[in-house]
Amino acid sequence: MKRRYLIRYPETRGCEFLGEGGNHTVYVNRALKKTSTAPRHKEINDFLVYKICKDIGEGKVVSLDDLHCPKEG
């Protein structure tokens, strides 16, 4: 998945941008007191996308279509 589509997702779910680490972007969900980091790569592995969504309290994302990103290919 493209990073730009992943970054939009936490922001629409009530998460806030916390800061930039060395190679990662940090998001926090203050309501649930959860944080997650997203690597600064152009492409992010699908398994990592699921983990990031789970970390911010979104629960299990059934498919990448739930993230409302356009089809690639």
PDB file of N, CA and C in Angstrom:
ATOM      1  N   MET A   1       0.837  -1.163   0.000  1.00  0.00           N
ATOM      2  CA  MET A   1       0.000   0.000   0.000  1.00  0.00           C
ATOM      3  C   MET A   1       0.889   1.235   0.000  1.00  0.00           C
ATOM      4  N   LYS A   2       0.463   2.241  -0.687  1.00  0.00           N
ATOM      5  CA  LYS A   2       1.190   3.497  -0.695  1.00  0.00           C
ATOM      6  C   LYS A   2       1.065   4.170   0.672  1.00  0.00           C
ATOM      7  N   ARG A   3       2.138   4.767   1.121  1.00  0.00           N
ATOM      8  CA  ARG A   3       2.173   5.397   2.440  1.00  0.00           C
ATOM      9  C   ARG A   3       1.141   6.517   2.566  1.00  0.00           C
ATOM     10  N   ARG A   4       0.946   7.269   1.505  1.00  0.00           N
ATOM     11  CA  ARG A   4       0.033   8.410   1.592  1.00  0.00           C
ATOM     12  C   ARG A   4      -1.400   7.986   1.893  1.00  0.00           C
ATOM     13  N   TYR A   5      -1.804   6.782   1.429  1.00  0.00           N
ATOM     14  CA  TYR A   5      -3.144   6.297   1.733  1.00  0.00           C
ATOM     15  C   TYR A   5      -3.238   5.829   3.183  1.00  0.00           C
ATOM     16  N   LEU A   6      -2.178   5.229   3.657  1.00  0.00           N
ATOM     17  CA  LEU A   6      -2.172   4.780   5.052  1.00  0.00           C
ATOM     18  C   LEU A   6      -2.208   5.968   6.006  1.00  0.00           C
ATOM     19  N   ILE A   7      -1.503   7.036   5.697  1.00  0.00           N
ATOM     20  CA  ILE A   7      -1.437   8.197   6.585  1.00  0.00           C
ATOM     21  C   ILE A   7      -2.798   8.877   6.708  1.00  0.00           C
ATOM     22  N   ARG A   8      -3.594   8.862   5.681  1.00  0.00           N
ATOM     23  CA  ARG A   8      -4.924   9.488   5.739  1.00  0.00           C
ATOM     24  C   ARG A   8      -5.851   8.739   6.690  1.00  0.00           C
ATOM     25  N   TYR A   9      -5.665   7.442   6.789  1.00  0.00           N
ATOM     26  CA  TYR A   9      -6.581   6.606   7.569  1.00  0.00           C
ATOM     27  C   TYR A   9      -6.615   6.959   9.057  1.00  0.00           C
ATOM     28  N   PRO A  10      -5.474   7.021   9.766  1.00  0.00           N
ATOM     29  CA  PRO A  10      -5.549   7.363  11.193  1.00  0.00           C
ATOM     30  C   PRO A  10      -6.131   8.751  11.442  1.00  0.00           C
ATOM     31  N   GLU A  11      -5.849   9.682  10.544  1.00  0.00           N
ATOM     32  CA  GLU A  11      -6.345  11.036  10.726  1.00  0.00           C
ATOM     33  C   GLU A  11      -7.863  11.106  10.627  1.00  0.00           C
ATOM     34  N   THR A  12      -8.470  10.223   9.825  1.00  0.00           N
ATOM     35  CA  THR A  12      -9.928  10.208   9.721  1.00  0.00           C
ATOM     36  C   THR A  12     -10.565   9.434  10.872  1.00  0.00           C
ATOM     37  N   ARG A  13      -9.760   8.747  11.661  1.00  0.00           N
ATOM     38  CA  ARG A  13     -10.264   7.949  12.775  1.00  0.00           C
ATOM     39  C   ARG A  13     -10.000   8.591  14.134  1.00  0.00           C
ATOM     40  N   GLY A  14      -9.686   9.869  14.156  1.00  0.00           N
ATOM     41  CA  GLY A  14      -9.506  10.568  15.418  1.00  0.00           C
ATOM     42  C   GLY A  14      -8.100  10.535  15.978  1.00  0.00           C
ATOM     43  N   CYS A  15      -7.150  10.047  15.219  1.00  0.00           N
ATOM     44  CA  CYS A  15      -5.762  10.035  15.675  1.00  0.00           C
ATOM     45  C   CYS A  15      -5.088  11.345  15.295  1.00  0.00           C
ATOM     46  N   GLU A  16      -4.088  11.692  16.070  1.00  0.00           N
ATOM     47  CA  GLU A  16      -3.355  12.920  15.830  1.00  0.00           C
ATOM     48  C   GLU A  16      -1.908  12.605  15.485  1.00  0.00           C
ATOM     49  N   PHE A  17      -1.343  13.437  14.649  1.00  0.00           N
ATOM     50  CA  PHE A  17       0.077  13.357  14.328  1.00  0.00           C
ATOM     51  C   PHE A  17       0.849  13.789  15.563  1.00  0.00           C
ATOM     52  N   LEU A  18       1.742  12.949  16.062  1.00  0.00           N
ATOM     53  CA  LEU A  18       2.502  13.270  17.269  1.00  0.00           C
ATOM     54  C   LEU A  18       3.886  13.805  16.931  1.00  0.00           C
ATOM     55  N   GLY A  19       4.515  13.237  15.913  1.00  0.00           N
ATOM     56  CA  GLY A  19       5.832  13.719  15.541  1.00  0.00           C
ATOM     57  C   GLY A  19       6.532  12.767  14.595  1.00  0.00           C
ATOM     58  N   GLU A  20       7.729  13.170  14.215  1.00  0.00           N
ATOM     59  CA  GLU A  20       8.557  12.359  13.332  1.00  0.00           C
ATOM     60  C   GLU A  20       9.714  11.796  14.134  1.00  0.00           C
ATOM     61  N   GLY A  21       9.919  10.495  14.020  1.00  0.00           N
ATOM     62  CA  GLY A  21      11.079   9.871  14.619  1.00  0.00           C
ATOM     63  C   GLY A  21      12.182   9.826  13.585  1.00  0.00           C
ATOM     64  N   GLY A  22      13.180   8.991  13.798  1.00  0.00           N
ATOM     65  CA  GLY A  22      14.272   8.882  12.849  1.00  0.00           C
ATOM     66  C   GLY A  22      13.812   8.434  11.481  1.00  0.00           C
ATOM     67  N   ASN A  23      13.054   7.364  11.419  1.00  0.00           N
ATOM     68  CA  ASN A  23      12.571   6.830  10.139  1.00  0.00           C
ATOM     69  C   ASN A  23      11.072   6.563  10.151  1.00  0.00           C
ATOM     70  N   HIS A  24      10.371   7.068  11.165  1.00  0.00           N
ATOM     71  CA  HIS A  24       8.958   6.760  11.322  1.00  0.00           C
ATOM     72  C   HIS A  24       8.142   8.005  11.640  1.00  0.00           C
ATOM     73  N   THR A  25       6.851   7.929  11.334  1.00  0.00           N
ATOM     74  CA  THR A  25       5.880   8.946  11.717  1.00  0.00           C
ATOM     75  C   THR A  25       5.063   8.362  12.859  1.00  0.00           C
ATOM     76  N   VAL A  26       4.842   9.131  13.908  1.00  0.00           N
ATOM     77  CA  VAL A  26       4.157   8.634  15.097  1.00  0.00           C
ATOM     78  C   VAL A  26       2.757   9.256  15.181  1.00  0.00           C
ATOM     79  N   TYR A  27       1.760   8.399  15.376  1.00  0.00           N
ATOM     80  CA  TYR A  27       0.378   8.831  15.554  1.00  0.00           C
ATOM     81  C   TYR A  27      -0.115   8.376  16.916  1.00  0.00           C
ATOM     82  N   VAL A  28      -1.002   9.172  17.506  1.00  0.00           N
ATOM     83  CA  VAL A  28      -1.545   8.841  18.817  1.00  0.00           C
ATOM     84  C   VAL A  28      -3.062   8.970  18.779  1.00  0.00           C
ATOM     85  N   ASN A  29      -3.736   8.033  19.424  1.00  0.00           N
ATOM     86  CA  ASN A  29      -5.177   8.095  19.634  1.00  0.00           C
ATOM     87  C   ASN A  29      -5.361   8.396  21.117  1.00  0.00           C
ATOM     88  N   ARG A  30      -5.555   9.656  21.446  1.00  0.00           N
ATOM     89  CA  ARG A  30      -5.614  10.074  22.846  1.00  0.00           C
ATOM     90  C   ARG A  30      -6.835   9.521  23.568  1.00  0.00           C
ATOM     91  N   ALA A  31      -7.933   9.332  22.871  1.00  0.00           N
ATOM     92  CA  ALA A  31      -9.139   8.798  23.492  1.00  0.00           C
ATOM     93  C   ALA A  31      -8.917   7.375  23.996  1.00  0.00           C
ATOM     94  N   LEU A  32      -8.201   6.572  23.222  1.00  0.00           N
ATOM     95  CA  LEU A  32      -7.938   5.183  23.590  1.00  0.00           C
ATOM     96  C   LEU A  32      -6.567   4.993  24.228  1.00  0.00           C
ATOM     97  N   LYS A  33      -5.782   6.076  24.270  1.00  0.00           N
ATOM     98  CA  LYS A  33      -4.428   6.049  24.828  1.00  0.00           C
ATOM     99  C   LYS A  33      -3.563   5.009  24.125  1.00  0.00           C
ATOM    100  N   LYS A  34      -3.571   5.070  22.787  1.00  0.00           N
ATOM    101  CA  LYS A  34      -2.788   4.144  21.979  1.00  0.00           C
ATOM    102  C   LYS A  34      -1.949   4.919  20.980  1.00  0.00           C
ATOM    103  N   THR A  35      -0.786   4.363  20.662  1.00  0.00           N
ATOM    104  CA  THR A  35       0.086   4.989  19.673  1.00  0.00           C
ATOM    105  C   THR A  35       0.520   3.948  18.646  1.00  0.00           C
ATOM    106  N   SER A  36       0.954   4.437  17.505  1.00  0.00           N
ATOM    107  CA  SER A  36       1.506   3.575  16.479  1.00  0.00           C
ATOM    108  C   SER A  36       2.474   4.379  15.633  1.00  0.00           C
ATOM    109  N   THR A  37       3.403   3.680  15.020  1.00  0.00           N
ATOM    110  CA  THR A  37       4.360   4.327  14.146  1.00  0.00           C
ATOM    111  C   THR A  37       4.220   3.762  12.738  1.00  0.00           C
ATOM    112  N   ALA A  38       4.390   4.631  11.758  1.00  0.00           N
ATOM    113  CA  ALA A  38       4.344   4.221  10.353  1.00  0.00           C
ATOM    114  C   ALA A  38       5.694   4.541   9.731  1.00  0.00           C
ATOM    115  N   PRO A  39       6.301   3.572   9.075  1.00  0.00           N
ATOM    116  CA  PRO A  39       7.610   3.826   8.463  1.00  0.00           C
ATOM    117  C   PRO A  39       7.490   4.807   7.301  1.00  0.00           C
ATOM    118  N   ARG A  40       8.562   5.517   7.052  1.00  0.00           N
ATOM    119  CA  ARG A  40       8.575   6.461   5.932  1.00  0.00           C
ATOM    120  C   ARG A  40       9.160   5.784   4.690  1.00  0.00           C
ATOM    121  N   HIS A  41       8.395   4.840   4.149  1.00  0.00           N
ATOM    122  CA  HIS A  41       8.736   4.174   2.902  1.00  0.00           C
ATOM    123  C   HIS A  41       7.624   4.477   1.910  1.00  0.00           C
ATOM    124  N   LYS A  42       7.910   4.419   0.632  1.00  0.00           N
ATOM    125  CA  LYS A  42       6.865   4.666  -0.360  1.00  0.00           C
ATOM    126  C   LYS A  42       5.810   3.577  -0.330  1.00  0.00           C
ATOM    127  N   GLU A  43       6.241   2.340  -0.167  1.00  0.00           N
ATOM    128  CA  GLU A  43       5.334   1.190  -0.099  1.00  0.00           C
ATOM    129  C   GLU A  43       5.430   0.564   1.284  1.00  0.00           C
ATOM    130  N   ILE A  44       4.278   0.198   1.848  1.00  0.00           N
ATOM    131  CA  ILE A  44       4.237  -0.434   3.168  1.00  0.00           C
ATOM    132  C   ILE A  44       3.561  -1.790   3.016  1.00  0.00           C
ATOM    133  N   ASN A  45       4.169  -2.813   3.586  1.00  0.00           N
ATOM    134  CA  ASN A  45       3.685  -4.186   3.542  1.00  0.00           C
ATOM    135  C   ASN A  45       2.271  -4.262   4.120  1.00  0.00           C
ATOM    136  N   ASP A  46       1.414  -5.080   3.500  1.00  0.00           N
ATOM    137  CA  ASP A  46       0.023  -5.204   3.942  1.00  0.00           C
ATOM    138  C   ASP A  46      -0.090  -5.681   5.381  1.00  0.00           C
ATOM    139  N   PHE A  47       0.771  -6.601   5.807  1.00  0.00           N
ATOM    140  CA  PHE A  47       0.716  -7.085   7.185  1.00  0.00           C
ATOM    141  C   PHE A  47       1.021  -5.960   8.170  1.00  0.00           C
ATOM    142  N   LEU A  48       1.933  -5.080   7.801  1.00  0.00           N
ATOM    143  CA  LEU A  48       2.255  -3.941   8.653  1.00  0.00           C
ATOM    144  C   LEU A  48       1.098  -2.944   8.699  1.00  0.00           C
ATOM    145  N   VAL A  49       0.390  -2.799   7.595  1.00  0.00           N
ATOM    146  CA  VAL A  49      -0.793  -1.928   7.562  1.00  0.00           C
ATOM    147  C   VAL A  49      -1.834  -2.424   8.557  1.00  0.00           C
ATOM    148  N   TYR A  50      -2.074  -3.744   8.566  1.00  0.00           N
ATOM    149  CA  TYR A  50      -3.028  -4.313   9.522  1.00  0.00           C
ATOM    150  C   TYR A  50      -2.577  -4.055  10.963  1.00  0.00           C
ATOM    151  N   LYS A  51      -1.285  -4.195  11.228  1.00  0.00           N
ATOM    152  CA  LYS A  51      -0.757  -3.982  12.568  1.00  0.00           C
ATOM    153  C   LYS A  51      -0.920  -2.528  13.004  1.00  0.00           C
ATOM    154  N   ILE A  52      -0.634  -1.597  12.122  1.00  0.00           N
ATOM    155  CA  ILE A  52      -0.764  -0.179  12.453  1.00  0.00           C
ATOM    156  C   ILE A  52      -2.212   0.157  12.780  1.00  0.00           C
ATOM    157  N   CYS A  53      -3.144  -0.352  11.989  1.00  0.00           N
ATOM    158  CA  CYS A  53      -4.569  -0.106  12.254  1.00  0.00           C
ATOM    159  C   CYS A  53      -4.989  -0.710  13.587  1.00  0.00           C
ATOM    160  N   LYS A  54      -4.480  -1.877  13.895  1.00  0.00           N
ATOM    161  CA  LYS A  54      -4.789  -2.529  15.169  1.00  0.00           C
ATOM    162  C   LYS A  54      -4.203  -1.734  16.334  1.00  0.00           C
ATOM    163  N   ASP A  55      -2.986  -1.227  16.166  1.00  0.00           N
ATOM    164  CA  ASP A  55      -2.320  -0.464  17.227  1.00  0.00           C
ATOM    165  C   ASP A  55      -3.063   0.806  17.602  1.00  0.00           C
ATOM    166  N   ILE A  56      -3.704   1.459  16.639  1.00  0.00           N
ATOM    167  CA  ILE A  56      -4.385   2.714  16.948  1.00  0.00           C
ATOM    168  C   ILE A  56      -5.807   2.487  17.441  1.00  0.00           C
ATOM    169  N   GLY A  57      -6.157   1.221  17.666  1.00  0.00           N
ATOM    170  CA  GLY A  57      -7.440   0.922  18.274  1.00  0.00           C
ATOM    171  C   GLY A  57      -8.561   0.712  17.296  1.00  0.00           C
ATOM    172  N   GLU A  58      -8.244   0.497  16.044  1.00  0.00           N
ATOM    173  CA  GLU A  58      -9.278   0.322  15.032  1.00  0.00           C
ATOM    174  C   GLU A  58      -9.785  -1.104  14.991  1.00  0.00           C
ATOM    175  N   GLY A  59      -9.149  -1.999  15.714  1.00  0.00           N
ATOM    176  CA  GLY A  59      -9.538  -3.399  15.662  1.00  0.00           C
ATOM    177  C   GLY A  59      -8.988  -4.026  14.404  1.00  0.00           C
ATOM    178  N   LYS A  60      -9.529  -5.150  14.024  1.00  0.00           N
ATOM    179  CA  LYS A  60      -9.029  -5.834  12.834  1.00  0.00           C
ATOM    180  C   LYS A  60      -9.646  -5.232  11.585  1.00  0.00           C
ATOM    181  N   VAL A  61      -8.808  -4.845  10.667  1.00  0.00           N
ATOM    182  CA  VAL A  61      -9.262  -4.386   9.370  1.00  0.00           C
ATOM    183  C   VAL A  61      -9.414  -5.628   8.509  1.00  0.00           C
ATOM    184  N   VAL A  62     -10.604  -5.843   7.991  1.00  0.00           N
ATOM    185  CA  VAL A  62     -10.886  -7.065   7.252  1.00  0.00           C
ATOM    186  C   VAL A  62     -10.129  -7.101   5.937  1.00  0.00           C
ATOM    187  N   SER A  63     -10.100  -5.995   5.216  1.00  0.00           N
ATOM    188  CA  SER A  63      -9.378  -5.957   3.945  1.00  0.00           C
ATOM    189  C   SER A  63      -8.858  -4.545   3.705  1.00  0.00           C
ATOM    190  N   LEU A  64      -7.976  -4.425   2.745  1.00  0.00           N
ATOM    191  CA  LEU A  64      -7.441  -3.106   2.420  1.00  0.00           C
ATOM    192  C   LEU A  64      -8.511  -2.208   1.815  1.00  0.00           C
ATOM    193  N   ASP A  65      -9.603  -2.787   1.331  1.00  0.00           N
ATOM    194  CA  ASP A  65     -10.709  -1.978   0.827  1.00  0.00           C
ATOM    195  C   ASP A  65     -11.321  -1.150   1.953  1.00  0.00           C
ATOM    196  N   ASP A  66     -11.211  -1.633   3.208  1.00  0.00           N
ATOM    197  CA  ASP A  66     -11.724  -0.880   4.354  1.00  0.00           C
ATOM    198  C   ASP A  66     -10.985   0.447   4.520  1.00  0.00           C
ATOM    199  N   LEU A  67      -9.777   0.522   3.982  1.00  0.00           N
ATOM    200  CA  LEU A  67      -8.982   1.748   4.100  1.00  0.00           C
ATOM    201  C   LEU A  67      -9.333   2.749   3.012  1.00  0.00           C
ATOM    202  N   HIS A  68     -10.194   2.383   2.092  1.00  0.00           N
ATOM    203  CA  HIS A  68     -10.655   3.256   1.008  1.00  0.00           C
ATOM    204  C   HIS A  68      -9.506   3.786   0.182  1.00  0.00           C
ATOM    205  N   CYS A  69      -8.597   2.913  -0.177  1.00  0.00           N
ATOM    206  CA  CYS A  69      -7.499   3.331  -1.046  1.00  0.00           C
ATOM    207  C   CYS A  69      -7.779   2.806  -2.449  1.00  0.00           C
ATOM    208  N   PRO A  70      -7.340   3.540  -3.454  1.00  0.00           N
ATOM    209  CA  PRO A  70      -7.581   3.089  -4.822  1.00  0.00           C
ATOM    210  C   PRO A  70      -6.794   1.821  -5.139  1.00  0.00           C
ATOM    211  N   LYS A  71      -7.278   1.065  -6.073  1.00  0.00           N
ATOM    212  CA  LYS A  71      -6.622  -0.171  -6.489  1.00  0.00           C
ATOM    213  C   LYS A  71      -5.319   0.168  -7.204  1.00  0.00           C
ATOM    214  N   GLU A  72      -4.306  -0.618  -6.945  1.00  0.00           N
ATOM    215  CA  GLU A  72      -3.018  -0.423  -7.603  1.00  0.00           C
ATOM    216  C   GLU A  72      -2.787  -1.564  -8.568  1.00  0.00           C
ATOM    217  N   GLY A  73      -2.061  -1.276  -9.616  1.00  0.00           N
ATOM    218  CA  GLY A  73      -1.729  -2.368 -10.503  1.00  0.00           C
ATOM    219  C   GLY A  73      -1.983  -2.059 -11.880  1.00  0.00           C
TER     220      GLY A  73
END
